[in-house]
Protein backbone atom coordinates (compact mmCIF):
# COMPACT_ATOMS: atom_id res chain seq x y z
CA UNK A 1 48.08 2.43 -57.33
CA UNK A 2 51.58 4.20 -56.14
CA UNK A 3 53.50 2.94 -52.95
CA UNK A 4 52.49 6.05 -50.93
CA UNK A 5 48.40 5.39 -51.20
CA UNK A 6 49.62 1.33 -50.65
CA UNK A 7 51.33 2.07 -47.66
CA UNK A 8 48.40 4.21 -46.51
CA UNK A 9 45.30 1.41 -47.24
CA UNK A 10 47.68 -1.48 -45.58
CA UNK A 11 48.17 0.72 -42.35
CA UNK A 12 44.21 1.29 -42.06
CA UNK A 13 43.91 -2.56 -42.52
CA UNK A 14 45.61 -2.68 -40.04
CA UNK A 15 44.62 -0.56 -37.64
CA UNK A 16 40.46 -1.84 -38.28
CA UNK A 17 42.49 -5.11 -37.71
CA UNK A 18 43.23 -4.56 -34.70
CA UNK A 19 40.16 -2.30 -33.92
CA UNK A 20 38.29 -5.75 -34.47
CA UNK A 21 39.82 -7.87 -32.63
CA UNK A 22 39.61 -5.76 -29.18
CA UNK A 23 37.10 -6.94 -26.68
CA UNK A 24 34.58 -4.50 -26.24
CA UNK A 25 35.95 -5.07 -22.55
CA UNK A 26 38.79 -3.82 -23.90
CA UNK A 27 37.39 -0.46 -25.56
CA UNK A 28 35.05 0.27 -22.20
CA UNK A 29 38.65 0.25 -20.06
CA UNK A 30 40.35 2.09 -22.53
CA UNK A 31 37.61 4.54 -22.56
CA UNK A 32 37.59 5.78 -19.14
CA UNK A 33 41.87 5.49 -18.52
CA UNK A 34 41.71 7.99 -21.15
CA UNK A 35 40.17 10.79 -18.47
CA UNK A 36 42.47 8.81 -15.91
CA UNK A 37 38.82 7.60 -14.97
CA UNK A 38 40.29 5.08 -11.98
CA UNK A 39 36.67 4.75 -10.43
CA UNK A 40 34.12 4.16 -13.38
CA UNK A 41 37.14 2.35 -14.96
CA UNK A 42 37.33 -0.15 -11.56
CA UNK A 43 33.69 -0.06 -11.47
CA UNK A 44 33.33 -1.70 -14.92
CA UNK A 45 35.80 -3.86 -13.96
CA UNK A 46 34.48 -5.36 -11.20
CA UNK A 47 30.69 -5.95 -13.19
CA UNK A 48 32.69 -7.74 -15.15
CA UNK A 49 34.28 -10.20 -12.78
CA UNK A 50 30.93 -10.64 -11.34
CA UNK A 51 30.39 -12.46 -14.05
CA UNK A 52 33.07 -14.08 -14.54
CA UNK A 53 35.72 -14.17 -11.65
CA UNK A 54 38.05 -16.50 -13.77
CA UNK A 55 38.13 -13.63 -16.67
CA UNK A 56 41.49 -13.82 -17.37
CA UNK A 57 41.66 -10.55 -19.33
CA UNK A 58 39.67 -8.37 -16.76
CA UNK A 59 41.73 -9.21 -13.34
CA UNK A 60 44.44 -8.35 -15.47
CA UNK A 61 42.88 -5.51 -16.62
CA UNK A 62 42.56 -4.95 -13.00
CA UNK A 63 45.82 -5.14 -11.93
CA UNK A 64 46.01 -2.62 -14.08
CA UNK A 65 44.09 -0.38 -12.61
CA UNK A 66 45.35 -0.98 -8.98
CA UNK A 67 48.97 -0.57 -10.16
CA UNK A 68 48.11 3.24 -11.68
CA UNK A 69 46.59 4.33 -8.49
CA UNK A 70 50.37 2.28 -6.81
CA UNK A 71 48.47 -0.61 -4.54
CA UNK A 72 50.15 -3.36 -5.57
CA UNK A 73 49.45 -6.14 -3.12
CA UNK A 74 45.80 -6.04 -5.13
CA UNK A 75 46.65 -6.06 -7.76
CA UNK A 76 49.13 -9.00 -7.18
CA UNK A 77 45.96 -10.56 -6.71
CA UNK A 78 44.18 -10.12 -9.83
CA UNK A 79 47.23 -10.53 -12.01
CA UNK A 80 47.44 -14.65 -10.45
CA UNK A 81 44.31 -15.11 -11.34
CA UNK A 82 44.83 -13.81 -14.53
CA UNK A 83 47.60 -15.58 -15.18
CA UNK A 84 45.63 -18.81 -13.45
CA UNK A 85 43.59 -18.55 -16.31
CA UNK A 86 45.32 -18.36 -19.02
CA UNK A 87 48.88 -17.09 -19.99
CA UNK A 88 47.78 -14.53 -22.70
CA UNK A 89 48.42 -11.65 -20.62
CA UNK A 90 52.16 -13.53 -19.11
CA UNK A 91 54.17 -11.12 -21.10
CA UNK A 92 51.94 -7.99 -20.30
CA UNK A 93 51.94 -8.82 -16.60
CA UNK A 94 55.65 -9.30 -16.11
CA UNK A 95 56.71 -5.72 -18.82
CA UNK A 96 54.18 -3.95 -15.75
CA UNK A 97 55.45 -5.07 -12.52
CA UNK A 98 58.93 -4.70 -14.07
CA UNK A 99 58.30 -0.70 -14.96
CA UNK A 100 56.35 -0.21 -11.83
CA UNK A 101 59.35 -1.66 -9.90
CA UNK A 102 62.26 -0.91 -11.02
CA UNK A 103 60.18 2.79 -10.59
CA UNK A 104 59.81 2.98 -7.10
CA UNK A 105 63.22 1.27 -6.62
CA UNK A 106 64.70 3.80 -8.43
CA UNK A 107 62.95 6.78 -6.61
CA UNK A 108 63.50 5.33 -3.27
CA UNK A 109 67.18 6.01 -4.20
CA UNK A 110 66.76 8.90 -5.09
CA UNK A 111 66.13 9.88 -1.82
CA UNK A 112 68.66 7.19 0.22
CA UNK A 113 70.94 9.44 -1.24
CA UNK A 114 68.69 12.79 -0.31
CA UNK A 115 68.82 11.55 3.58
CA UNK A 116 64.51 11.27 2.56
CA UNK A 117 64.38 8.35 4.83
CA UNK A 118 60.42 9.21 4.73
CA UNK A 119 60.28 8.60 0.84
CA UNK A 120 62.80 6.32 1.28
CA UNK A 121 61.02 3.75 3.63
CA UNK A 122 57.79 4.12 0.92
CA UNK A 123 59.30 3.83 -2.11
CA UNK A 124 61.17 0.65 -1.22
CA UNK A 125 57.68 -0.28 0.68
CA UNK A 126 56.13 0.09 -2.80
CA UNK A 127 59.02 -1.73 -4.41
CA UNK A 128 58.45 -4.86 -1.66
CA UNK A 129 55.26 -5.26 -2.22
CA UNK A 130 56.00 -5.83 -5.97
CA UNK A 131 58.52 -7.80 -5.60
CA UNK A 132 58.02 -9.81 -1.99
CA UNK A 133 60.83 -12.65 -3.39
CA UNK A 134 63.13 -9.94 -4.17
CA UNK A 135 65.19 -9.54 -0.79
CA UNK A 136 67.20 -7.17 -2.27
CA UNK A 137 65.48 -4.30 -0.98
CA UNK A 138 64.67 -5.16 2.39
CA UNK A 139 68.52 -3.92 4.14
CA UNK A 140 67.93 -0.48 2.15
CA UNK A 141 64.25 -0.67 3.36
CA UNK A 142 64.71 -1.90 7.16
CA UNK A 143 68.25 0.34 6.94
CA UNK A 144 65.33 3.86 6.44
CA UNK A 145 62.75 2.95 8.63
CA UNK A 146 65.79 2.65 11.39
CA UNK A 147 67.22 5.86 10.07
CA UNK A 148 63.61 6.78 11.87
CA UNK A 149 63.76 5.51 14.89
CA UNK A 150 61.10 2.61 14.20
CA UNK A 151 63.41 -0.35 15.17
CA UNK A 152 60.20 -2.49 15.09
CA UNK A 153 58.89 -1.41 11.87
CA UNK A 154 62.67 -2.21 11.01
CA UNK A 155 62.45 -6.05 12.49
CA UNK A 156 59.49 -6.48 10.77
CA UNK A 157 61.24 -5.51 7.15
CA UNK A 158 64.19 -8.14 7.78
CA UNK A 159 61.68 -10.94 9.41
CA UNK A 160 59.82 -10.50 5.84
CA UNK A 161 62.76 -10.86 3.96
CA UNK A 162 64.50 -13.88 5.90
CA UNK A 163 60.93 -15.22 4.85
CA UNK A 164 62.05 -15.71 1.80
CA UNK A 165 65.86 -16.16 1.99
CA UNK A 166 66.63 -17.08 5.38
CA UNK A 167 70.70 -17.50 5.84
CA UNK A 168 70.21 -14.14 3.95
CA UNK A 169 73.47 -12.36 5.81
CA UNK A 170 72.61 -8.42 5.93
CA UNK A 171 69.09 -8.84 6.79
CA UNK A 172 70.08 -11.41 9.52
CA UNK A 173 73.04 -8.66 10.44
CA UNK A 174 70.43 -5.43 10.52
CA UNK A 175 68.05 -7.81 12.53
CA UNK A 176 70.41 -8.35 15.14
CA UNK A 177 71.60 -4.58 15.96
CA UNK A 178 68.04 -3.76 15.90
CA UNK A 179 67.27 -6.76 18.21
CA UNK A 180 70.08 -4.86 20.49
CA UNK A 181 69.60 -1.04 19.50
CA UNK A 182 65.88 -1.56 20.47
CA UNK A 183 67.29 -3.37 23.93
CA UNK A 184 65.58 -6.55 22.70
CA UNK A 185 69.49 -8.37 24.09
CA UNK A 186 67.79 -10.70 24.37
CA UNK A 187 66.53 -11.97 20.39
CA UNK A 188 69.91 -10.19 19.80
CA UNK A 189 71.42 -12.78 21.33
CA UNK A 190 69.27 -15.77 20.11
CA UNK A 191 69.69 -14.15 16.38
CA UNK A 192 73.57 -13.90 15.86
CA UNK A 193 73.97 -17.25 17.91
CA UNK A 194 71.77 -18.77 14.83
CA UNK A 195 72.84 -16.90 11.92
CA UNK A 196 76.67 -17.93 13.36
CA UNK A 197 75.46 -21.32 12.62
CA UNK A 198 75.16 -19.54 9.24
CA UNK A 199 78.76 -17.78 8.99
CA UNK A 200 80.69 -18.79 12.41
CA UNK A 201 83.96 -16.28 11.17
CA UNK A 202 81.72 -13.90 11.23
CA UNK A 203 83.29 -11.05 13.67
CA UNK A 204 80.24 -8.99 13.47
CA UNK A 205 77.79 -11.31 14.31
CA UNK A 206 80.33 -12.55 17.94
CA UNK A 207 80.22 -8.96 19.31
CA UNK A 208 76.74 -8.42 18.35
CA UNK A 209 76.49 -11.31 20.59
CA UNK A 210 79.04 -10.28 23.04
CA UNK A 211 77.69 -7.14 24.15
CA UNK A 212 73.67 -8.42 24.03
CA UNK A 213 75.69 -11.08 26.69
CA UNK A 214 76.83 -8.02 28.55
CA UNK A 215 73.78 -5.89 28.23
CA UNK A 216 71.99 -9.31 30.22
CA UNK A 217 74.55 -9.15 32.59
CA UNK A 218 75.78 -12.81 31.50
CA UNK A 219 79.18 -11.59 31.92
CA UNK A 220 81.10 -15.25 30.89
CA UNK A 221 79.24 -15.40 27.35
CA UNK A 222 80.97 -12.01 26.94
CA UNK A 223 84.18 -12.64 27.43
CA UNK A 224 83.84 -15.98 25.20
CA UNK A 225 81.81 -14.27 23.27
CA UNK A 226 84.73 -11.58 22.65
CA UNK A 227 87.57 -13.56 22.09
CA UNK A 228 85.59 -15.93 18.90
CA UNK A 229 85.93 -12.69 17.39
CA UNK A 230 89.19 -11.70 17.57
CA UNK A 231 90.20 -14.66 16.08
CA UNK A 232 88.79 -13.65 13.33
CA UNK A 233 89.57 -10.49 13.34
CA UNK A 234 91.73 -7.55 15.77
CA UNK A 235 90.56 -4.28 16.04
CA UNK A 236 92.93 -2.29 18.98
CA UNK A 237 89.61 -0.06 19.43
CA UNK A 238 87.33 -2.63 19.29
CA UNK A 239 88.71 -3.94 22.29
CA UNK A 240 89.65 -1.19 24.25
CA UNK A 241 86.23 0.30 23.94
CA UNK A 242 85.37 -3.53 25.43
CA UNK A 243 87.72 -3.43 27.96
CA UNK A 244 86.11 -0.21 29.06
CA UNK A 245 82.52 -2.05 29.27
CA UNK A 246 84.15 -4.37 31.60
CA UNK A 247 86.05 -2.00 33.55
CA UNK A 248 82.54 0.27 34.07
CA UNK A 249 80.88 -2.30 34.49
CA UNK A 250 83.25 -3.09 37.86
CA UNK A 251 83.98 -6.39 35.57
CA UNK A 252 88.25 -5.54 36.83
CA UNK A 253 89.83 -8.88 36.51
CA UNK A 254 87.57 -10.10 33.54
CA UNK A 255 88.56 -6.33 31.73
CA UNK A 256 92.62 -6.77 32.93
CA UNK A 257 93.92 -9.48 30.01
CA UNK A 258 91.65 -7.58 27.57
CA UNK A 259 93.77 -4.29 29.13
CA UNK A 260 97.28 -6.18 28.57
CA UNK A 261 96.79 -7.26 24.88
CA UNK A 262 96.16 -3.39 24.47
CA UNK A 263 99.36 -2.87 25.73
CA UNK A 264 101.41 -5.61 23.57
CA UNK A 265 99.85 -3.87 20.45
CA UNK A 266 100.05 0.11 21.70
CA UNK A 267 102.40 0.61 25.38
CA UNK A 268 102.26 4.19 25.53
CA UNK A 269 98.36 4.38 25.64
CA UNK A 270 97.81 6.09 28.75
CA UNK A 271 94.55 5.60 29.28
CA UNK A 272 95.14 1.69 28.89
CA UNK A 273 97.42 2.25 31.65
CA UNK A 274 95.80 4.41 33.69
CA UNK A 275 92.75 1.32 33.94
CA UNK A 276 95.67 -0.99 34.51
CA UNK A 277 96.81 0.94 37.66
CA UNK A 278 93.11 1.46 39.20
CA UNK A 279 92.60 -2.00 38.14
CA UNK A 280 96.43 -3.29 39.99
CA UNK A 281 95.42 -1.82 42.93
CA UNK A 282 92.18 -2.94 43.69
CA UNK A 283 93.07 -6.15 42.86
CA UNK A 284 96.85 -5.24 45.31
CA UNK A 285 99.07 -6.18 42.05
CA UNK A 286 101.23 -3.80 43.30
CA UNK A 287 104.94 -4.45 41.54
CA UNK A 288 102.47 -4.52 38.34
CA UNK A 289 101.24 -0.85 39.12
CA UNK A 290 104.53 0.04 39.88
CA UNK A 291 105.32 -1.41 36.56
CA UNK A 292 102.09 0.75 35.02
CA UNK A 293 102.64 4.03 36.69
CA UNK A 294 106.47 4.64 35.58
CA UNK A 295 105.74 3.74 31.81
CA UNK A 296 102.89 6.86 32.04
CA UNK A 297 105.82 8.53 34.73
CA UNK A 298 108.32 8.01 31.82
CA UNK A 299 105.38 9.58 29.19
CA UNK A 300 104.72 12.79 31.30
CA UNK A 301 107.35 13.25 33.29
CA UNK A 302 106.15 16.95 34.11
CA UNK A 303 103.36 15.94 35.46
CA UNK A 304 102.92 15.56 38.95
CA UNK A 305 99.93 14.00 40.06
CA UNK A 306 101.44 10.61 38.36
CA UNK A 307 104.38 10.41 40.40
CA UNK A 308 102.90 11.20 43.31
CA UNK A 309 100.79 7.67 42.53
CA UNK A 310 103.69 5.91 41.88
CA UNK A 311 104.48 7.62 44.98
CA UNK A 312 102.54 5.23 45.94
CA UNK A 313 102.82 2.28 44.03
CA UNK A 314 106.92 1.98 44.97
CA UNK A 315 104.89 1.99 49.06
CA UNK A 316 102.42 -0.87 48.13
CA UNK A 317 104.59 -2.93 46.99
CA UNK A 318 106.90 -2.37 48.96
CA UNK A 319 109.73 -0.15 47.65
CA UNK A 320 111.51 2.40 50.88
CA UNK A 321 114.26 3.25 48.58
CA UNK A 322 112.31 4.72 45.59
CA UNK A 323 109.55 5.69 48.01
CA UNK A 324 111.34 7.83 49.36
CA UNK A 325 113.11 9.00 46.98
CA UNK A 326 110.20 9.90 44.77
CA UNK A 327 108.59 11.73 47.98
CA UNK A 328 111.84 13.72 48.25
CA UNK A 329 111.61 15.27 45.30
CA UNK A 330 108.46 16.05 45.64
CA UNK A 331 109.36 18.05 48.45
CA UNK A 332 106.78 15.64 50.72
CA UNK A 333 109.74 15.22 53.65
């Protein structure tokens, strides 16, 4: 017998051996699945499991069918039953789950890149159902719901993430932000405080805490939280914004120190100088009002309105000579 005929005979024998080892359940399953007849495959497997619910092969195959239909949570139940009965199909199950997870994850990443957030949420939900403990999917999944303005669903995603990893930074941060965006400021405070216990130097949690306290009318706590933020990171724009928020709320005494911090960093910021001028007028600090308006006039020497404000500041401060000189300059005698 030549080598070619010998090889062919060996392959035939191997095929016959595999066929002989294949169970009747597997043969029936393959027959149904050859035509993508999921319904009849499930019915056949349900019959097998009704006779023996611990049948490792039937449970594995049922999980296989359900996975193809993207019923991943149900599939996992059958996979677990199979593994609890026998380790025979462990490698098959691990391969199927890993393959499906990567397919759903990659589809979700592609959808996110295209800003198709409904699709992103769908694919990442599938991925989370396959491996619930893999927390890498939850921040992006929650963000997709946020983009869809479904804050409640986003919060559920982050809470699910924290069930698996209680100190997960990104899920904790996103949860606090989501509560703030949905105007649940009490929960925003509670979440920020909880995670500051894990990450005490994180300036973003301090900022969320400060603004949530502002919304709740807890101004002392808000100022304290924002000062804690500044200890860990200084941002000129964030300080100016916080000062503006306090000023707009009528908390001028609390706003003034933050405006002065801004002025130290950027002496020529006209918005800050104007805000301070108003605050000093309201609080009766006319000397500081003069100083603020002098700086404004120096920056805008042709601005008549600013000169009139400076003239008022001189008058209120009792500086009659400068008041009269500026009044004469403006032709108001």
